[in-house]
Amino acid sequence: MRLPYLFVAMTVMALVLSAVAQDTGSKASYLTWSAAQAERIAKATRVNGRVGGFFDLRVVHTEHSYNYKLRATWLTKDVIQATARLLQLSERLTDSQTEDLVQEATAAGDVVIMVEVDPREGSGVIPNDWSVFLGPSGNDRDVARGTSSPALEKLKALRGGYRRDFNYELFWVVFPLKTANGEPLFPIGVAQAALTVRISGKEGRVSFMIPTYLHAK
């Protein structure tokens, strides 16, 4: 008489183990990254540059900066996931809470770049007429103009994997994936993108590798 009950119990146990295995297998891979792995990925797209020349050629208007230190981080899907994972580890977040951080950050735009600017000397104020452009490296014509979106600072997964350096002013800039002519910003075959930052007639440029998921999108 015990055999049918034993069979039923074993069947139920097998179903439970199968469900657990499926749940584990469906877990997003970034939720298993170590702190070191997540930190490395979160910092992978950060680049340094400069807006303006090396030398101070000001004779008048010394209240203006003669150049600006520049940093930029392309907040790709991988960078967002890595930043969220670091937050999960430091703040003891659940998988669900971490996934929510990723979802709200990825919904901010197809291309979001965090731009950091530090004026050298002068008043330390960044003029309001600054602008940012993104496009294929070596092509200054087929570019998209970025839109500064201060509200994105509230999204934790868009803050990057570095500790905040308060010498730099931060801007979150969103770019469309089409040029003004309606063409793809990153045609197939283009591997590198250039970010151009223009402040008071001075320009600086940094380069990134284009994420494969954005090609010809």
Protein backbone atom coordinates (compact mmCIF):
# COMPACT_ATOMS: atom_id res chain seq x y z
CA MET A 1 0.00 0.00 0.00
CA ARG A 2 2.93 2.32 0.62
CA LEU A 3 4.29 2.03 -2.92
CA PRO A 4 1.67 4.31 -4.57
CA TYR A 5 2.26 6.95 -1.88
CA LEU A 6 6.01 6.65 -2.31
CA PHE A 7 5.64 7.02 -6.08
CA VAL A 8 3.49 10.13 -5.66
CA ALA A 9 5.95 11.64 -3.19
CA MET A 10 8.87 11.01 -5.51
CA THR A 11 6.95 12.50 -8.44
CA VAL A 12 6.13 15.65 -6.47
CA MET A 13 9.75 16.00 -5.36
CA ALA A 14 10.96 15.63 -8.94
CA LEU A 15 8.56 18.37 -10.08
CA VAL A 16 9.75 20.69 -7.30
CA LEU A 17 13.42 20.11 -8.13
CA SER A 18 12.69 20.69 -11.81
CA ALA A 19 10.93 23.96 -11.04
CA VAL A 20 13.84 25.12 -8.87
CA ALA A 21 16.32 24.22 -11.60
CA GLN A 22 14.32 26.12 -14.21
CA ASP A 23 14.08 29.16 -11.92
CA THR A 24 17.84 29.12 -11.32
CA GLY A 25 18.54 28.69 -15.01
CA SER A 26 16.32 31.65 -15.91
CA LYS A 27 18.13 33.97 -13.50
CA ALA A 28 19.74 36.87 -15.35
CA SER A 29 23.49 36.29 -15.58
CA TYR A 30 24.43 39.72 -14.25
CA LEU A 31 22.76 38.86 -10.94
CA THR A 32 25.53 36.30 -10.37
CA TRP A 33 28.47 38.60 -11.15
CA SER A 34 31.05 39.04 -8.42
CA ALA A 35 31.80 42.54 -7.13
CA ALA A 36 35.13 42.56 -8.98
CA GLN A 37 33.52 41.45 -12.24
CA ALA A 38 30.69 43.98 -11.96
CA GLU A 39 33.14 46.79 -11.14
CA ARG A 40 35.29 45.95 -14.16
CA ILE A 41 32.28 45.98 -16.51
CA ALA A 42 30.84 49.17 -14.99
CA LYS A 43 34.10 51.01 -15.67
CA ALA A 44 34.75 49.55 -19.12
CA THR A 45 33.24 52.40 -21.15
CA ARG A 46 34.68 55.36 -19.26
CA VAL A 47 37.09 57.54 -21.27
CA ASN A 48 39.06 60.69 -20.52
CA GLY A 49 39.69 63.71 -22.68
CA ARG A 50 39.94 67.50 -22.75
CA VAL A 51 37.92 70.36 -24.20
CA GLY A 52 40.23 73.08 -25.48
CA GLY A 53 44.01 73.34 -25.93
CA PHE A 54 46.85 72.63 -23.52
CA PHE A 55 48.02 76.18 -23.01
CA ASP A 56 46.48 79.24 -21.42
CA LEU A 57 46.34 81.82 -24.22
CA ARG A 58 43.97 84.20 -22.42
CA VAL A 59 44.93 87.87 -22.38
CA VAL A 60 41.56 89.16 -21.30
CA HIS A 61 38.46 87.41 -19.91
CA THR A 62 40.50 85.40 -17.44
CA GLU A 63 37.22 84.63 -15.67
CA HIS A 64 36.70 82.06 -18.43
CA SER A 65 38.32 78.64 -18.24
CA TYR A 66 41.08 78.06 -20.78
CA ASN A 67 40.18 74.38 -21.07
CA TYR A 68 38.07 71.71 -19.39
CA LYS A 69 38.87 68.25 -18.14
CA LEU A 70 36.49 65.78 -19.72
CA ARG A 71 35.25 62.34 -18.77
CA ALA A 72 32.48 60.39 -20.44
CA THR A 73 30.85 57.06 -19.66
CA TRP A 74 28.65 55.33 -22.21
CA LEU A 75 25.87 53.81 -20.11
CA THR A 76 25.40 50.67 -22.19
CA LYS A 77 23.20 47.75 -21.14
CA ASP A 78 26.21 45.98 -19.66
CA VAL A 79 27.28 49.05 -17.70
CA ILE A 80 23.76 49.54 -16.36
CA GLN A 81 23.53 45.90 -15.30
CA ALA A 82 26.95 46.04 -13.64
CA THR A 83 26.08 49.23 -11.77
CA ALA A 84 22.82 47.69 -10.59
CA ARG A 85 24.67 44.55 -9.47
CA LEU A 86 27.11 46.65 -7.41
CA LEU A 87 24.15 48.39 -5.80
CA GLN A 88 22.57 45.02 -5.08
CA LEU A 89 25.69 43.84 -3.31
CA SER A 90 26.25 47.02 -1.31
CA GLU A 91 22.62 47.71 -0.41
CA ARG A 92 21.48 44.07 -0.04
CA LEU A 93 18.81 44.41 -2.71
CA THR A 94 16.69 41.49 -3.87
CA ASP A 95 16.94 40.20 -7.43
CA SER A 96 13.57 41.79 -8.18
CA GLN A 97 14.64 45.20 -6.87
CA THR A 98 17.85 45.00 -8.89
CA GLU A 99 15.99 44.09 -12.06
CA ASP A 100 13.68 47.07 -11.49
CA LEU A 101 16.73 49.37 -11.38
CA VAL A 102 17.93 47.95 -14.70
CA GLN A 103 14.54 48.27 -16.36
CA GLU A 104 14.00 51.90 -15.40
CA ALA A 105 17.54 52.80 -16.50
CA THR A 106 17.35 51.06 -19.89
CA ALA A 107 14.02 52.81 -20.53
CA ALA A 108 15.74 56.21 -20.29
CA GLY A 109 16.91 56.07 -23.92
CA ASP A 110 18.75 53.99 -26.49
CA VAL A 111 21.98 55.94 -25.94
CA VAL A 112 22.71 57.65 -22.63
CA ILE A 113 26.17 59.04 -21.93
CA MET A 114 27.24 60.53 -18.62
CA VAL A 115 29.48 63.52 -19.34
CA GLU A 116 31.72 64.95 -16.60
CA VAL A 117 33.34 68.37 -16.98
CA ASP A 118 35.87 70.13 -14.75
CA PRO A 119 36.82 73.73 -15.71
CA ARG A 120 40.49 74.70 -15.38
CA GLU A 121 40.79 78.03 -13.53
CA GLY A 122 38.39 80.82 -14.48
CA SER A 123 35.11 81.14 -12.61
CA GLY A 124 34.57 77.39 -12.48
CA VAL A 125 31.18 77.86 -14.13
CA ILE A 126 30.29 75.90 -17.26
CA PRO A 127 28.52 78.16 -19.79
CA ASN A 128 24.96 77.25 -20.74
CA ASP A 129 25.78 77.19 -24.46
CA TRP A 130 27.69 73.90 -24.31
CA SER A 131 26.65 71.14 -26.71
CA VAL A 132 27.40 67.45 -27.31
CA PHE A 133 27.34 65.43 -30.54
CA LEU A 134 27.68 61.71 -31.22
CA GLY A 135 28.39 59.92 -34.48
CA PRO A 136 30.74 57.58 -36.33
CA SER A 137 34.44 58.33 -35.82
CA GLY A 138 35.87 60.36 -38.68
CA ASN A 139 32.44 61.64 -39.75
CA ASP A 140 31.53 65.07 -38.37
CA ARG A 141 28.51 65.44 -40.62
CA ASP A 142 26.27 62.45 -39.84
CA VAL A 143 25.90 63.02 -36.11
CA ALA A 144 23.14 63.35 -33.57
CA ARG A 145 22.89 66.18 -31.07
CA GLY A 146 22.47 65.14 -27.44
CA THR A 147 19.86 66.44 -25.03
CA SER A 148 20.86 67.11 -21.45
CA SER A 149 18.45 65.27 -19.12
CA PRO A 150 19.13 66.24 -15.47
CA ALA A 151 16.22 64.10 -14.22
CA LEU A 152 18.18 60.94 -15.07
CA GLU A 153 20.43 61.58 -12.08
CA LYS A 154 17.64 60.07 -9.97
CA LEU A 155 18.07 56.67 -11.63
CA LYS A 156 20.63 54.82 -9.53
CA ALA A 157 21.73 52.44 -12.27
CA LEU A 158 22.72 55.42 -14.44
CA ARG A 159 25.26 56.79 -11.98
CA GLY A 160 28.13 54.59 -13.17
CA GLY A 161 30.55 52.43 -11.24
CA TYR A 162 32.89 55.18 -10.05
CA ARG A 163 32.76 57.14 -6.83
CA ARG A 164 31.54 60.67 -7.49
CA ASP A 165 34.31 63.24 -8.00
CA PHE A 166 32.82 66.56 -6.96
CA ASN A 167 35.44 68.52 -8.91
CA TYR A 168 33.46 67.51 -11.98
CA GLU A 169 29.96 68.64 -12.91
CA LEU A 170 27.85 65.76 -14.20
CA PHE A 171 25.46 65.76 -17.15
CA TRP A 172 23.31 62.92 -18.43
CA VAL A 173 22.95 63.26 -22.19
CA VAL A 174 20.47 61.29 -24.32
CA PHE A 175 21.01 60.74 -28.06
CA PRO A 176 18.63 59.52 -30.77
CA LEU A 177 19.70 56.60 -32.96
CA LYS A 178 18.86 58.48 -36.15
CA THR A 179 20.61 61.42 -37.79
CA ALA A 180 18.70 64.55 -38.79
CA ASN A 181 18.26 62.90 -42.22
CA GLY A 182 16.59 59.86 -40.68
CA GLU A 183 19.54 57.55 -41.37
CA PRO A 184 20.92 55.11 -38.75
CA LEU A 185 23.42 56.86 -36.51
CA PHE A 186 25.63 53.76 -36.53
CA PRO A 187 25.51 52.02 -39.92
CA ILE A 188 26.59 48.41 -40.19
CA GLY A 189 30.36 48.22 -40.53
CA VAL A 190 31.08 51.22 -38.31
CA ALA A 191 32.83 50.02 -35.16
CA GLN A 192 33.82 53.23 -33.38
CA ALA A 193 31.88 56.30 -32.29
CA ALA A 194 33.14 59.79 -31.49
CA LEU A 195 31.65 62.05 -28.84
CA THR A 196 32.32 65.74 -29.42
CA VAL A 197 31.85 68.23 -26.60
CA ARG A 198 31.80 71.95 -27.47
CA ILE A 199 32.04 74.65 -24.78
CA SER A 200 32.40 78.37 -25.61
CA GLY A 201 34.02 77.73 -28.98
CA LYS A 202 36.38 75.07 -27.63
CA GLU A 203 36.02 71.42 -28.64
CA GLY A 204 37.11 68.09 -27.29
CA ARG A 205 36.56 64.57 -28.61
CA VAL A 206 36.64 61.08 -27.11
CA SER A 207 35.98 57.71 -28.75
CA PHE A 208 34.03 54.58 -27.84
CA MET A 209 33.52 51.16 -29.34
CA ILE A 210 29.91 50.91 -30.51
CA PRO A 211 27.86 48.19 -28.75
CA THR A 212 26.85 45.54 -31.27
CA TYR A 213 23.17 45.72 -30.31
CA LEU A 214 23.00 49.30 -31.64
CA HIS A 215 24.31 48.70 -35.14
CA ALA A 216 21.89 49.93 -37.83
CA LYS A 217 19.10 50.15 -35.28
